[in-house]
């Protein structure tokens, strides 16, 4: 008879080394860099007149409030009294309406140091004053994380590479990385350099790059109306404790959001739809997966998959 497999015991020495390495990385962590890009110029923010981070996830909460909760939890998990968080946006973009300081999160909103630099160029520029052995956590700002940030960062830290990043098998873009600043010195000081297509392959020739594969997305990017609606559905499922099924598609509406200052006739119905402040939904209108902008007016209509910016 085959001998039963015995569980492998992890040496206390290995556990101690892993803990010490994690502690050292967090000690050398200089900032969380939120890459905002052109927060005011994609199709969704152009149509709504809002930065992506200012879009609501509830009548009194916005996407950046989700980030602030994640950052506060991360700081608390690692006993960080003041967590430097730098939101980097395009030079020509207007700043989102965010409160700068609250709790342990020390937020600054900055424009790209140079124009047309690409993600890799921006990271090289914003990290220039950090030491080679300092670390930064880099995240795409226009997303809603589906897992706790402290858990994701702990997973990145555990690999102790020069760059650790999360990759999703379902094709959802990577939204979180841990980078040792020294490897960013290889990026040219001028010109446009993309991180994934140009810089990472070159950095990997000289430094350690560790990829953590996930079968499902750890965060959902928000660029267009359909992304926003999908992310809101996932967010509502998480709040309801259904995180394991947050990406399932079904026909049951999960939310309606009506900001302060908006008007919705009680006879109207909203299915997975958002009405921004000053927007109006009149009569017996029915909205499916739609957004009513601040100047949008819906008059007794049924609308599906729309952004309403004028009178309908």
C-alpha atoms as a PDB file:
ATOM      1  CA  UNK A   1       0.000   0.000   0.000  1.00  0.00           C
ATOM      2  CA  UNK A   2       1.328   3.403  -0.921  1.00  0.00           C
ATOM      3  CA  UNK A   3       2.493   5.437   2.003  1.00  0.00           C
ATOM      4  CA  UNK A   4       0.187   8.357   2.840  1.00  0.00           C
ATOM      5  CA  UNK A   5       1.561  11.730   1.885  1.00  0.00           C
ATOM      6  CA  UNK A   6       2.701  13.742   4.854  1.00  0.00           C
ATOM      7  CA  UNK A   7       2.201  17.520   4.925  1.00  0.00           C
ATOM      8  CA  UNK A   8       5.409  19.429   4.239  1.00  0.00           C
ATOM      9  CA  UNK A   9       6.524  21.441   7.235  1.00  0.00           C
ATOM     10  CA  UNK A  10       7.986  24.872   6.576  1.00  0.00           C
ATOM     11  CA  UNK A  11      11.155  25.585   8.489  1.00  0.00           C
ATOM     12  CA  UNK A  12      10.799  28.351  11.099  1.00  0.00           C
ATOM     13  CA  UNK A  13      14.064  29.738   9.702  1.00  0.00           C
ATOM     14  CA  UNK A  14      12.492  30.113   6.242  1.00  0.00           C
ATOM     15  CA  UNK A  15       9.436  31.788   7.732  1.00  0.00           C
ATOM     16  CA  UNK A  16      11.671  34.163   9.688  1.00  0.00           C
ATOM     17  CA  UNK A  17      13.695  35.054   6.558  1.00  0.00           C
ATOM     18  CA  UNK A  18      10.503  35.708   4.570  1.00  0.00           C
ATOM     19  CA  UNK A  19       9.121  37.917   7.350  1.00  0.00           C
ATOM     20  CA  UNK A  20      12.415  39.820   7.619  1.00  0.00           C
ATOM     21  CA  UNK A  21      12.517  40.373   3.840  1.00  0.00           C
ATOM     22  CA  UNK A  22       8.928  41.636   3.840  1.00  0.00           C
ATOM     23  CA  UNK A  23       9.664  43.967   6.738  1.00  0.00           C
ATOM     24  CA  UNK A  24      12.732  45.352   4.951  1.00  0.00           C
ATOM     25  CA  UNK A  25      10.796  46.027   1.733  1.00  0.00           C
ATOM     26  CA  UNK A  26       8.031  47.864   3.608  1.00  0.00           C
ATOM     27  CA  UNK A  27      10.684  49.813   5.508  1.00  0.00           C
ATOM     28  CA  UNK A  28      12.101  50.947   2.157  1.00  0.00           C
ATOM     29  CA  UNK A  29       8.664  51.705   0.657  1.00  0.00           C
ATOM     30  CA  UNK A  30       8.655  55.380  -0.311  1.00  0.00           C
ATOM     31  CA  UNK A  31       5.251  55.870  -1.911  1.00  0.00           C
ATOM     32  CA  UNK A  32       2.186  54.458  -3.553  1.00  0.00           C
ATOM     33  CA  UNK A  33       2.064  55.838  -7.094  1.00  0.00           C
ATOM     34  CA  UNK A  34      -1.436  56.032  -8.567  1.00  0.00           C
ATOM     35  CA  UNK A  35      -1.197  56.467 -12.317  1.00  0.00           C
ATOM     36  CA  UNK A  36      -4.160  58.579 -13.321  1.00  0.00           C
ATOM     37  CA  UNK A  37      -3.210  59.263 -16.922  1.00  0.00           C
ATOM     38  CA  UNK A  38      -5.652  61.566 -18.685  1.00  0.00           C
ATOM     39  CA  UNK A  39      -8.363  61.263 -16.085  1.00  0.00           C
ATOM     40  CA  UNK A  40     -10.461  63.939 -17.786  1.00  0.00           C
ATOM     41  CA  UNK A  41     -10.148  62.911 -21.427  1.00  0.00           C
ATOM     42  CA  UNK A  42     -11.374  59.350 -21.981  1.00  0.00           C
ATOM     43  CA  UNK A  43     -14.844  58.717 -23.393  1.00  0.00           C
ATOM     44  CA  UNK A  44     -16.510  58.254 -20.012  1.00  0.00           C
ATOM     45  CA  UNK A  45     -15.044  61.294 -18.250  1.00  0.00           C
ATOM     46  CA  UNK A  46     -15.509  63.466 -21.332  1.00  0.00           C
ATOM     47  CA  UNK A  47     -19.198  62.556 -21.524  1.00  0.00           C
ATOM     48  CA  UNK A  48     -19.846  63.001 -17.795  1.00  0.00           C
ATOM     49  CA  UNK A  49     -17.588  66.002 -17.261  1.00  0.00           C
ATOM     50  CA  UNK A  50     -15.976  64.167 -14.349  1.00  0.00           C
ATOM     51  CA  UNK A  51     -12.629  62.679 -13.501  1.00  0.00           C
ATOM     52  CA  UNK A  52     -12.948  58.901 -13.267  1.00  0.00           C
ATOM     53  CA  UNK A  53     -11.993  59.136  -9.585  1.00  0.00           C
ATOM     54  CA  UNK A  54     -14.900  61.516  -8.945  1.00  0.00           C
ATOM     55  CA  UNK A  55     -17.539  59.142 -10.353  1.00  0.00           C
ATOM     56  CA  UNK A  56     -19.866  57.729  -7.683  1.00  0.00           C
ATOM     57  CA  UNK A  57     -20.032  54.173  -6.363  1.00  0.00           C
ATOM     58  CA  UNK A  58     -22.925  55.249  -4.111  1.00  0.00           C
ATOM     59  CA  UNK A  59     -24.934  58.435  -3.714  1.00  0.00           C
ATOM     60  CA  UNK A  60     -22.347  59.793  -1.248  1.00  0.00           C
ATOM     61  CA  UNK A  61     -19.151  57.912  -2.207  1.00  0.00           C
ATOM     62  CA  UNK A  62     -16.838  58.085  -5.218  1.00  0.00           C
ATOM     63  CA  UNK A  63     -14.219  55.779  -6.736  1.00  0.00           C
ATOM     64  CA  UNK A  64     -11.405  57.523  -4.880  1.00  0.00           C
ATOM     65  CA  UNK A  65     -13.191  56.817  -1.589  1.00  0.00           C
ATOM     66  CA  UNK A  66     -12.687  53.131  -2.420  1.00  0.00           C
ATOM     67  CA  UNK A  67      -8.992  53.862  -2.954  1.00  0.00           C
ATOM     68  CA  UNK A  68      -8.757  55.771   0.313  1.00  0.00           C
ATOM     69  CA  UNK A  69     -10.284  52.827   2.187  1.00  0.00           C
ATOM     70  CA  UNK A  70      -7.794  50.470   0.541  1.00  0.00           C
ATOM     71  CA  UNK A  71      -4.849  52.753   1.330  1.00  0.00           C
ATOM     72  CA  UNK A  72      -5.909  53.229   4.951  1.00  0.00           C
ATOM     73  CA  UNK A  73      -6.243  49.484   5.413  1.00  0.00           C
ATOM     74  CA  UNK A  74      -2.842  48.956   3.794  1.00  0.00           C
ATOM     75  CA  UNK A  75      -1.197  51.524   6.082  1.00  0.00           C
ATOM     76  CA  UNK A  76      -2.853  50.003   9.147  1.00  0.00           C
ATOM     77  CA  UNK A  77      -1.824  46.472   8.155  1.00  0.00           C
ATOM     78  CA  UNK A  78       1.844  47.504   8.016  1.00  0.00           C
ATOM     79  CA  UNK A  79       1.704  50.053  10.885  1.00  0.00           C
ATOM     80  CA  UNK A  80       2.561  52.956   8.566  1.00  0.00           C
ATOM     81  CA  UNK A  81       1.773  56.268  10.279  1.00  0.00           C
ATOM     82  CA  UNK A  82       1.925  58.372   7.091  1.00  0.00           C
ATOM     83  CA  UNK A  83       1.544  56.682   3.719  1.00  0.00           C
ATOM     84  CA  UNK A  84       2.776  58.920   0.900  1.00  0.00           C
ATOM     85  CA  UNK A  85       0.376  58.566  -2.012  1.00  0.00           C
ATOM     86  CA  UNK A  86       1.111  60.391  -5.270  1.00  0.00           C
ATOM     87  CA  UNK A  87      -1.640  60.624  -7.868  1.00  0.00           C
ATOM     88  CA  UNK A  88       0.031  61.382 -11.217  1.00  0.00           C
ATOM     89  CA  UNK A  89      -2.159  62.819 -13.968  1.00  0.00           C
ATOM     90  CA  UNK A  90      -1.606  64.176 -17.452  1.00  0.00           C
ATOM     91  CA  UNK A  91      -0.197  67.698 -17.673  1.00  0.00           C
ATOM     92  CA  UNK A  92      -3.261  68.935 -19.558  1.00  0.00           C
ATOM     93  CA  UNK A  93      -5.827  67.252 -17.318  1.00  0.00           C
ATOM     94  CA  UNK A  94      -7.759  69.104 -14.639  1.00  0.00           C
ATOM     95  CA  UNK A  95      -7.361  67.837 -11.086  1.00  0.00           C
ATOM     96  CA  UNK A  96     -10.073  65.627  -9.582  1.00  0.00           C
ATOM     97  CA  UNK A  97     -11.969  67.041  -6.605  1.00  0.00           C
ATOM     98  CA  UNK A  98     -10.319  65.044  -3.820  1.00  0.00           C
ATOM     99  CA  UNK A  99      -9.612  65.794  -0.183  1.00  0.00           C
ATOM    100  CA  UNK A 100      -5.841  65.614   0.265  1.00  0.00           C
ATOM    101  CA  UNK A 101      -5.259  64.371   3.819  1.00  0.00           C
ATOM    102  CA  UNK A 102      -7.229  61.979   5.946  1.00  0.00           C
ATOM    103  CA  UNK A 103      -5.927  59.474   8.469  1.00  0.00           C
ATOM    104  CA  UNK A 104      -2.647  57.834   7.481  1.00  0.00           C
ATOM    105  CA  UNK A 105      -2.972  58.680   3.777  1.00  0.00           C
ATOM    106  CA  UNK A 106      -0.839  61.670   2.759  1.00  0.00           C
ATOM    107  CA  UNK A 107      -2.125  62.442  -0.748  1.00  0.00           C
ATOM    108  CA  UNK A 108      -0.613  64.709  -3.378  1.00  0.00           C
ATOM    109  CA  UNK A 109      -1.966  65.262  -6.894  1.00  0.00           C
ATOM    110  CA  UNK A 110       0.804  65.909  -9.422  1.00  0.00           C
ATOM    111  CA  UNK A 111       1.017  66.449 -13.161  1.00  0.00           C
ATOM    112  CA  UNK A 112       3.443  64.424 -15.272  1.00  0.00           C
ATOM    113  CA  UNK A 113       6.945  65.939 -14.928  1.00  0.00           C
ATOM    114  CA  UNK A 114       7.327  65.831 -18.741  1.00  0.00           C
ATOM    115  CA  UNK A 115       4.949  65.472 -21.663  1.00  0.00           C
ATOM    116  CA  UNK A 116       4.627  62.307 -23.782  1.00  0.00           C
ATOM    117  CA  UNK A 117       6.740  60.077 -21.544  1.00  0.00           C
ATOM    118  CA  UNK A 118       4.684  56.880 -21.417  1.00  0.00           C
ATOM    119  CA  UNK A 119       4.145  54.853 -18.226  1.00  0.00           C
ATOM    120  CA  UNK A 120       7.788  53.747 -17.907  1.00  0.00           C
ATOM    121  CA  UNK A 121       9.082  57.262 -18.488  1.00  0.00           C
ATOM    122  CA  UNK A 122       6.733  58.680 -15.858  1.00  0.00           C
ATOM    123  CA  UNK A 123       7.825  56.109 -13.271  1.00  0.00           C
ATOM    124  CA  UNK A 124      11.471  56.832 -13.984  1.00  0.00           C
ATOM    125  CA  UNK A 125      10.853  60.574 -13.576  1.00  0.00           C
ATOM    126  CA  UNK A 126       8.796  60.433 -10.357  1.00  0.00           C
ATOM    127  CA  UNK A 127      11.272  58.037  -8.684  1.00  0.00           C
ATOM    128  CA  UNK A 128      14.423  59.984  -9.556  1.00  0.00           C
ATOM    129  CA  UNK A 129      14.913  61.274  -5.989  1.00  0.00           C
ATOM    130  CA  UNK A 130      14.519  57.847  -4.366  1.00  0.00           C
ATOM    131  CA  UNK A 131      17.475  55.580  -3.606  1.00  0.00           C
ATOM    132  CA  UNK A 132      18.123  52.514  -5.759  1.00  0.00           C
ATOM    133  CA  UNK A 133      17.007  50.136  -3.003  1.00  0.00           C
ATOM    134  CA  UNK A 134      13.808  52.048  -2.259  1.00  0.00           C
ATOM    135  CA  UNK A 135      10.492  50.603  -3.401  1.00  0.00           C
ATOM    136  CA  UNK A 136       7.267  51.994  -4.817  1.00  0.00           C
ATOM    137  CA  UNK A 137       3.857  50.389  -5.204  1.00  0.00           C
ATOM    138  CA  UNK A 138       2.390  51.327  -8.582  1.00  0.00           C
ATOM    139  CA  UNK A 139      -1.305  51.064  -9.400  1.00  0.00           C
ATOM    140  CA  UNK A 140      -3.651  52.199 -12.128  1.00  0.00           C
ATOM    141  CA  UNK A 141      -5.934  54.769 -10.478  1.00  0.00           C
ATOM    142  CA  UNK A 142      -8.898  54.220 -12.807  1.00  0.00           C
ATOM    143  CA  UNK A 143      -9.964  50.898 -11.347  1.00  0.00           C
ATOM    144  CA  UNK A 144     -11.822  49.306  -8.453  1.00  0.00           C
ATOM    145  CA  UNK A 145      -9.837  46.645  -6.608  1.00  0.00           C
ATOM    146  CA  UNK A 146     -11.736  43.429  -5.975  1.00  0.00           C
ATOM    147  CA  UNK A 147      -9.290  42.218  -3.317  1.00  0.00           C
ATOM    148  CA  UNK A 148      -7.737  44.001  -0.330  1.00  0.00           C
ATOM    149  CA  UNK A 149      -4.699  46.028  -1.345  1.00  0.00           C
ATOM    150  CA  UNK A 150      -2.671  44.872   1.671  1.00  0.00           C
ATOM    151  CA  UNK A 151      -3.197  41.238   0.653  1.00  0.00           C
ATOM    152  CA  UNK A 152      -2.123  41.925  -2.934  1.00  0.00           C
ATOM    153  CA  UNK A 153       0.962  43.897  -1.863  1.00  0.00           C
ATOM    154  CA  UNK A 154       1.940  41.169   0.614  1.00  0.00           C
ATOM    155  CA  UNK A 155       1.833  38.703  -2.256  1.00  0.00           C
ATOM    156  CA  UNK A 156       4.036  40.988  -4.368  1.00  0.00           C
ATOM    157  CA  UNK A 157       6.476  41.575  -1.520  1.00  0.00           C
ATOM    158  CA  UNK A 158       6.814  37.833  -0.832  1.00  0.00           C
ATOM    159  CA  UNK A 159       8.541  37.317  -4.197  1.00  0.00           C
ATOM    160  CA  UNK A 160      11.339  39.789  -3.370  1.00  0.00           C
ATOM    161  CA  UNK A 161      12.046  40.648  -7.020  1.00  0.00           C
ATOM    162  CA  UNK A 162      13.136  43.943  -8.548  1.00  0.00           C
ATOM    163  CA  UNK A 163       9.693  44.088 -10.145  1.00  0.00           C
ATOM    164  CA  UNK A 164       6.695  41.997  -9.110  1.00  0.00           C
ATOM    165  CA  UNK A 165       3.425  42.342 -10.979  1.00  0.00           C
ATOM    166  CA  UNK A 166       0.041  40.682 -11.172  1.00  0.00           C
ATOM    167  CA  UNK A 167      -1.174  39.288 -14.500  1.00  0.00           C
ATOM    168  CA  UNK A 168      -4.728  38.104 -15.123  1.00  0.00           C
ATOM    169  CA  UNK A 169      -5.380  35.063 -17.302  1.00  0.00           C
ATOM    170  CA  UNK A 170      -8.732  36.500 -18.404  1.00  0.00           C
ATOM    171  CA  UNK A 171      -6.956  39.374 -20.152  1.00  0.00           C
ATOM    172  CA  UNK A 172      -7.917  42.104 -17.675  1.00  0.00           C
ATOM    173  CA  UNK A 173      -5.011  44.600 -17.611  1.00  0.00           C
ATOM    174  CA  UNK A 174      -2.509  44.374 -14.774  1.00  0.00           C
ATOM    175  CA  UNK A 175      -3.335  47.010 -12.168  1.00  0.00           C
ATOM    176  CA  UNK A 176      -0.740  46.617  -9.401  1.00  0.00           C
ATOM    177  CA  UNK A 177       3.072  46.359  -9.245  1.00  0.00           C
ATOM    178  CA  UNK A 178       5.904  46.526  -6.717  1.00  0.00           C
ATOM    179  CA  UNK A 179       9.088  48.093  -8.139  1.00  0.00           C
ATOM    180  CA  UNK A 180      12.598  48.582  -6.763  1.00  0.00           C
ATOM    181  CA  UNK A 181      13.603  52.034  -7.943  1.00  0.00           C
ATOM    182  CA  UNK A 182      17.107  51.032  -9.054  1.00  0.00           C
ATOM    183  CA  UNK A 183      15.832  49.077 -12.052  1.00  0.00           C
ATOM    184  CA  UNK A 184      14.003  52.171 -13.316  1.00  0.00           C
ATOM    185  CA  UNK A 185      17.371  53.870 -13.915  1.00  0.00           C
ATOM    186  CA  UNK A 186      17.674  51.791 -17.108  1.00  0.00           C
ATOM    187  CA  UNK A 187      14.797  53.760 -18.642  1.00  0.00           C
ATOM    188  CA  UNK A 188      15.913  56.663 -20.888  1.00  0.00           C
ATOM    189  CA  UNK A 189      15.580  60.163 -19.446  1.00  0.00           C
ATOM    190  CA  UNK A 190      13.849  61.514 -22.574  1.00  0.00           C
ATOM    191  CA  UNK A 191      11.306  60.180 -25.036  1.00  0.00           C
ATOM    192  CA  UNK A 192       8.139  58.098 -24.873  1.00  0.00           C
ATOM    193  CA  UNK A 193       8.666  54.668 -23.277  1.00  0.00           C
ATOM    194  CA  UNK A 194       5.826  52.235 -22.659  1.00  0.00           C
ATOM    195  CA  UNK A 195       6.254  50.016 -19.604  1.00  0.00           C
ATOM    196  CA  UNK A 196       4.880  46.658 -20.733  1.00  0.00           C
ATOM    197  CA  UNK A 197       5.907  46.616 -24.385  1.00  0.00           C
ATOM    198  CA  UNK A 198       9.253  48.437 -24.206  1.00  0.00           C
ATOM    199  CA  UNK A 199      10.710  48.821 -20.719  1.00  0.00           C
ATOM    200  CA  UNK A 200       9.809  45.532 -19.015  1.00  0.00           C
ATOM    201  CA  UNK A 201      11.480  43.253 -21.607  1.00  0.00           C
ATOM    202  CA  UNK A 202      14.701  45.293 -21.346  1.00  0.00           C
ATOM    203  CA  UNK A 203      14.604  45.469 -17.537  1.00  0.00           C
ATOM    204  CA  UNK A 204      14.040  41.689 -17.372  1.00  0.00           C
ATOM    205  CA  UNK A 205      17.393  41.138 -19.111  1.00  0.00           C
ATOM    206  CA  UNK A 206      19.241  42.713 -16.177  1.00  0.00           C
ATOM    207  CA  UNK A 207      16.936  42.403 -13.160  1.00  0.00           C
ATOM    208  CA  UNK A 208      14.490  40.013 -11.557  1.00  0.00           C
ATOM    209  CA  UNK A 209      10.923  40.341 -12.806  1.00  0.00           C
ATOM    210  CA  UNK A 210       8.373  38.083 -11.113  1.00  0.00           C
ATOM    211  CA  UNK A 211       4.885  37.574 -12.546  1.00  0.00           C
ATOM    212  CA  UNK A 212       2.029  36.463 -10.299  1.00  0.00           C
ATOM    213  CA  UNK A 213      -0.714  34.890 -12.403  1.00  0.00           C
ATOM    214  CA  UNK A 214      -4.348  35.132 -11.401  1.00  0.00           C
ATOM    215  CA  UNK A 215      -7.144  33.248 -13.145  1.00  0.00           C
ATOM    216  CA  UNK A 216      -9.559  36.098 -12.326  1.00  0.00           C
ATOM    217  CA  UNK A 217      -9.096  39.828 -12.118  1.00  0.00           C
ATOM    218  CA  UNK A 218      -7.961  41.364  -8.822  1.00  0.00           C
ATOM    219  CA  UNK A 219      -9.267  44.725 -10.014  1.00  0.00           C
ATOM    220  CA  UNK A 220     -11.472  46.103 -12.786  1.00  0.00           C
ATOM    221  CA  UNK A 221     -10.293  49.001 -14.998  1.00  0.00           C
ATOM    222  CA  UNK A 222     -12.717  51.831 -15.773  1.00  0.00           C
ATOM    223  CA  UNK A 223     -12.407  53.610 -19.101  1.00  0.00           C
ATOM    224  CA  UNK A 224     -15.853  53.496 -20.717  1.00  0.00           C
ATOM    225  CA  UNK A 225     -19.503  53.280 -19.660  1.00  0.00           C
ATOM    226  CA  UNK A 226     -19.597  49.491 -19.854  1.00  0.00           C
ATOM    227  CA  UNK A 227     -16.455  49.224 -17.675  1.00  0.00           C
ATOM    228  CA  UNK A 228     -17.995  51.513 -15.076  1.00  0.00           C
ATOM    229  CA  UNK A 229     -21.269  49.575 -14.926  1.00  0.00           C
ATOM    230  CA  UNK A 230     -19.399  46.249 -14.701  1.00  0.00           C
ATOM    231  CA  UNK A 231     -17.193  47.565 -11.904  1.00  0.00           C
ATOM    232  CA  UNK A 232     -20.195  48.909  -9.979  1.00  0.00           C
ATOM    233  CA  UNK A 233     -21.928  45.528 -10.228  1.00  0.00           C
ATOM    234  CA  UNK A 234     -18.780  43.817  -8.911  1.00  0.00           C
ATOM    235  CA  UNK A 235     -18.469  46.389  -6.123  1.00  0.00           C
ATOM    236  CA  UNK A 236     -22.084  45.824  -5.030  1.00  0.00           C
ATOM    237  CA  UNK A 237     -21.558  42.070  -5.018  1.00  0.00           C
ATOM    238  CA  UNK A 238     -18.509  42.528  -2.811  1.00  0.00           C
ATOM    239  CA  UNK A 239     -20.510  44.655  -0.378  1.00  0.00           C
ATOM    240  CA  UNK A 240     -23.146  41.914  -0.305  1.00  0.00           C
ATOM    241  CA  UNK A 241     -20.501  39.290   0.473  1.00  0.00           C
ATOM    242  CA  UNK A 242     -20.626  37.637  -2.947  1.00  0.00           C
ATOM    243  CA  UNK A 243     -17.035  38.359  -3.967  1.00  0.00           C
ATOM    244  CA  UNK A 244     -16.451  34.846  -5.320  1.00  0.00           C
ATOM    245  CA  UNK A 245     -19.019  35.528  -8.021  1.00  0.00           C
ATOM    246  CA  UNK A 246     -18.369  39.209  -8.575  1.00  0.00           C
ATOM    247  CA  UNK A 247     -17.688  38.828 -12.314  1.00  0.00           C
ATOM    248  CA  UNK A 248     -20.658  36.648 -13.184  1.00  0.00           C
ATOM    249  CA  UNK A 249     -23.032  38.077 -15.756  1.00  0.00           C
ATOM    250  CA  UNK A 250     -26.758  37.957 -15.098  1.00  0.00           C
ATOM    251  CA  UNK A 251     -29.867  39.956 -15.906  1.00  0.00           C
ATOM    252  CA  UNK A 252     -30.721  40.952 -12.342  1.00  0.00           C
ATOM    253  CA  UNK A 253     -30.093  44.632 -11.550  1.00  0.00           C
ATOM    254  CA  UNK A 254     -27.845  45.234  -8.565  1.00  0.00           C
ATOM    255  CA  UNK A 255     -27.798  48.992  -8.078  1.00  0.00           C
ATOM    256  CA  UNK A 256     -29.163  52.442  -8.808  1.00  0.00           C
ATOM    257  CA  UNK A 257     -27.269  55.580  -7.849  1.00  0.00           C
ATOM    258  CA  UNK A 258     -28.878  59.002  -7.598  1.00  0.00           C
ATOM    259  CA  UNK A 259     -26.537  61.768  -6.481  1.00  0.00           C
ATOM    260  CA  UNK A 260     -27.624  64.688  -4.318  1.00  0.00           C
ATOM    261  CA  UNK A 261     -29.077  67.406  -6.531  1.00  0.00           C
ATOM    262  CA  UNK A 262     -30.417  64.967  -9.148  1.00  0.00           C
ATOM    263  CA  UNK A 263     -34.138  64.454  -9.790  1.00  0.00           C
ATOM    264  CA  UNK A 264     -35.760  61.100 -10.503  1.00  0.00           C
ATOM    265  CA  UNK A 265     -39.530  60.843 -10.807  1.00  0.00           C
ATOM    266  CA  UNK A 266     -40.822  58.161  -8.392  1.00  0.00           C
ATOM    267  CA  UNK A 267     -42.640  56.568 -11.362  1.00  0.00           C
ATOM    268  CA  UNK A 268     -39.336  56.028 -13.203  1.00  0.00           C
ATOM    269  CA  UNK A 269     -37.198  52.902 -12.855  1.00  0.00           C
ATOM    270  CA  UNK A 270     -33.411  52.625 -12.818  1.00  0.00           C
ATOM    271  CA  UNK A 271     -31.703  49.284 -13.496  1.00  0.00           C
ATOM    272  CA  UNK A 272     -27.918  49.366 -12.941  1.00  0.00           C
ATOM    273  CA  UNK A 273     -27.948  53.066 -13.790  1.00  0.00           C
ATOM    274  CA  UNK A 274     -26.482  56.301 -12.412  1.00  0.00           C
ATOM    275  CA  UNK A 275     -27.928  59.817 -12.299  1.00  0.00           C
ATOM    276  CA  UNK A 276     -25.309  62.472 -11.571  1.00  0.00           C
ATOM    277  CA  UNK A 277     -26.089  65.697  -9.708  1.00  0.00           C
ATOM    278  CA  UNK A 278     -28.320  68.064 -11.721  1.00  0.00           C
ATOM    279  CA  UNK A 279     -29.394  65.200 -14.001  1.00  0.00           C
ATOM    280  CA  UNK A 280     -33.137  64.639 -14.442  1.00  0.00           C
ATOM    281  CA  UNK A 281     -35.245  61.545 -15.113  1.00  0.00           C
ATOM    282  CA  UNK A 282     -38.860  62.521 -15.701  1.00  0.00           C
ATOM    283  CA  UNK A 283     -42.162  60.793 -16.381  1.00  0.00           C
ATOM    284  CA  UNK A 284     -42.248  56.978 -16.369  1.00  0.00           C
ATOM    285  CA  UNK A 285     -38.807  56.556 -17.872  1.00  0.00           C
ATOM    286  CA  UNK A 286     -36.866  53.295 -17.654  1.00  0.00           C
ATOM    287  CA  UNK A 287     -33.051  53.192 -17.772  1.00  0.00           C
ATOM    288  CA  UNK A 288     -30.910  50.086 -18.194  1.00  0.00           C
ATOM    289  CA  UNK A 289     -27.116  50.229 -17.665  1.00  0.00           C
ATOM    290  CA  UNK A 290     -27.123  53.954 -18.404  1.00  0.00           C
ATOM    291  CA  UNK A 291     -25.676  57.182 -16.994  1.00  0.00           C
ATOM    292  CA  UNK A 292     -27.465  60.516 -16.887  1.00  0.00           C
ATOM    293  CA  UNK A 293     -24.908  63.326 -16.937  1.00  0.00           C
ATOM    294  CA  UNK A 294     -25.132  66.603 -15.057  1.00  0.00           C
ATOM    295  CA  UNK A 295     -26.919  68.235 -18.001  1.00  0.00           C
ATOM    296  CA  UNK A 296     -28.842  65.147 -19.032  1.00  0.00           C
ATOM    297  CA  UNK A 297     -32.646  65.087 -19.088  1.00  0.00           C
ATOM    298  CA  UNK A 298     -34.728  61.967 -19.824  1.00  0.00           C
ATOM    299  CA  UNK A 299     -38.390  62.595 -20.622  1.00  0.00           C
ATOM    300  CA  UNK A 300     -40.589  59.511 -20.534  1.00  0.00           C
ATOM    301  CA  UNK A 301     -38.273  57.170 -22.457  1.00  0.00           C
ATOM    302  CA  UNK A 302     -36.779  53.710 -22.211  1.00  0.00           C
ATOM    303  CA  UNK A 303     -33.021  53.860 -22.764  1.00  0.00           C
ATOM    304  CA  UNK A 304     -30.477  51.041 -22.775  1.00  0.00           C
ATOM    305  CA  UNK A 305     -26.666  51.261 -22.593  1.00  0.00           C
ATOM    306  CA  UNK A 306     -26.495  55.035 -22.948  1.00  0.00           C
ATOM    307  CA  UNK A 307     -24.785  58.108 -21.543  1.00  0.00           C
ATOM    308  CA  UNK A 308     -27.323  60.934 -21.631  1.00  0.00           C
ATOM    309  CA  UNK A 309     -25.718  64.372 -21.841  1.00  0.00           C
ATOM    310  CA  UNK A 310     -28.619  66.380 -23.316  1.00  0.00           C
ATOM    311  CA  UNK A 311     -32.398  66.164 -23.567  1.00  0.00           C
ATOM    312  CA  UNK A 312     -33.844  62.790 -24.591  1.00  0.00           C
END
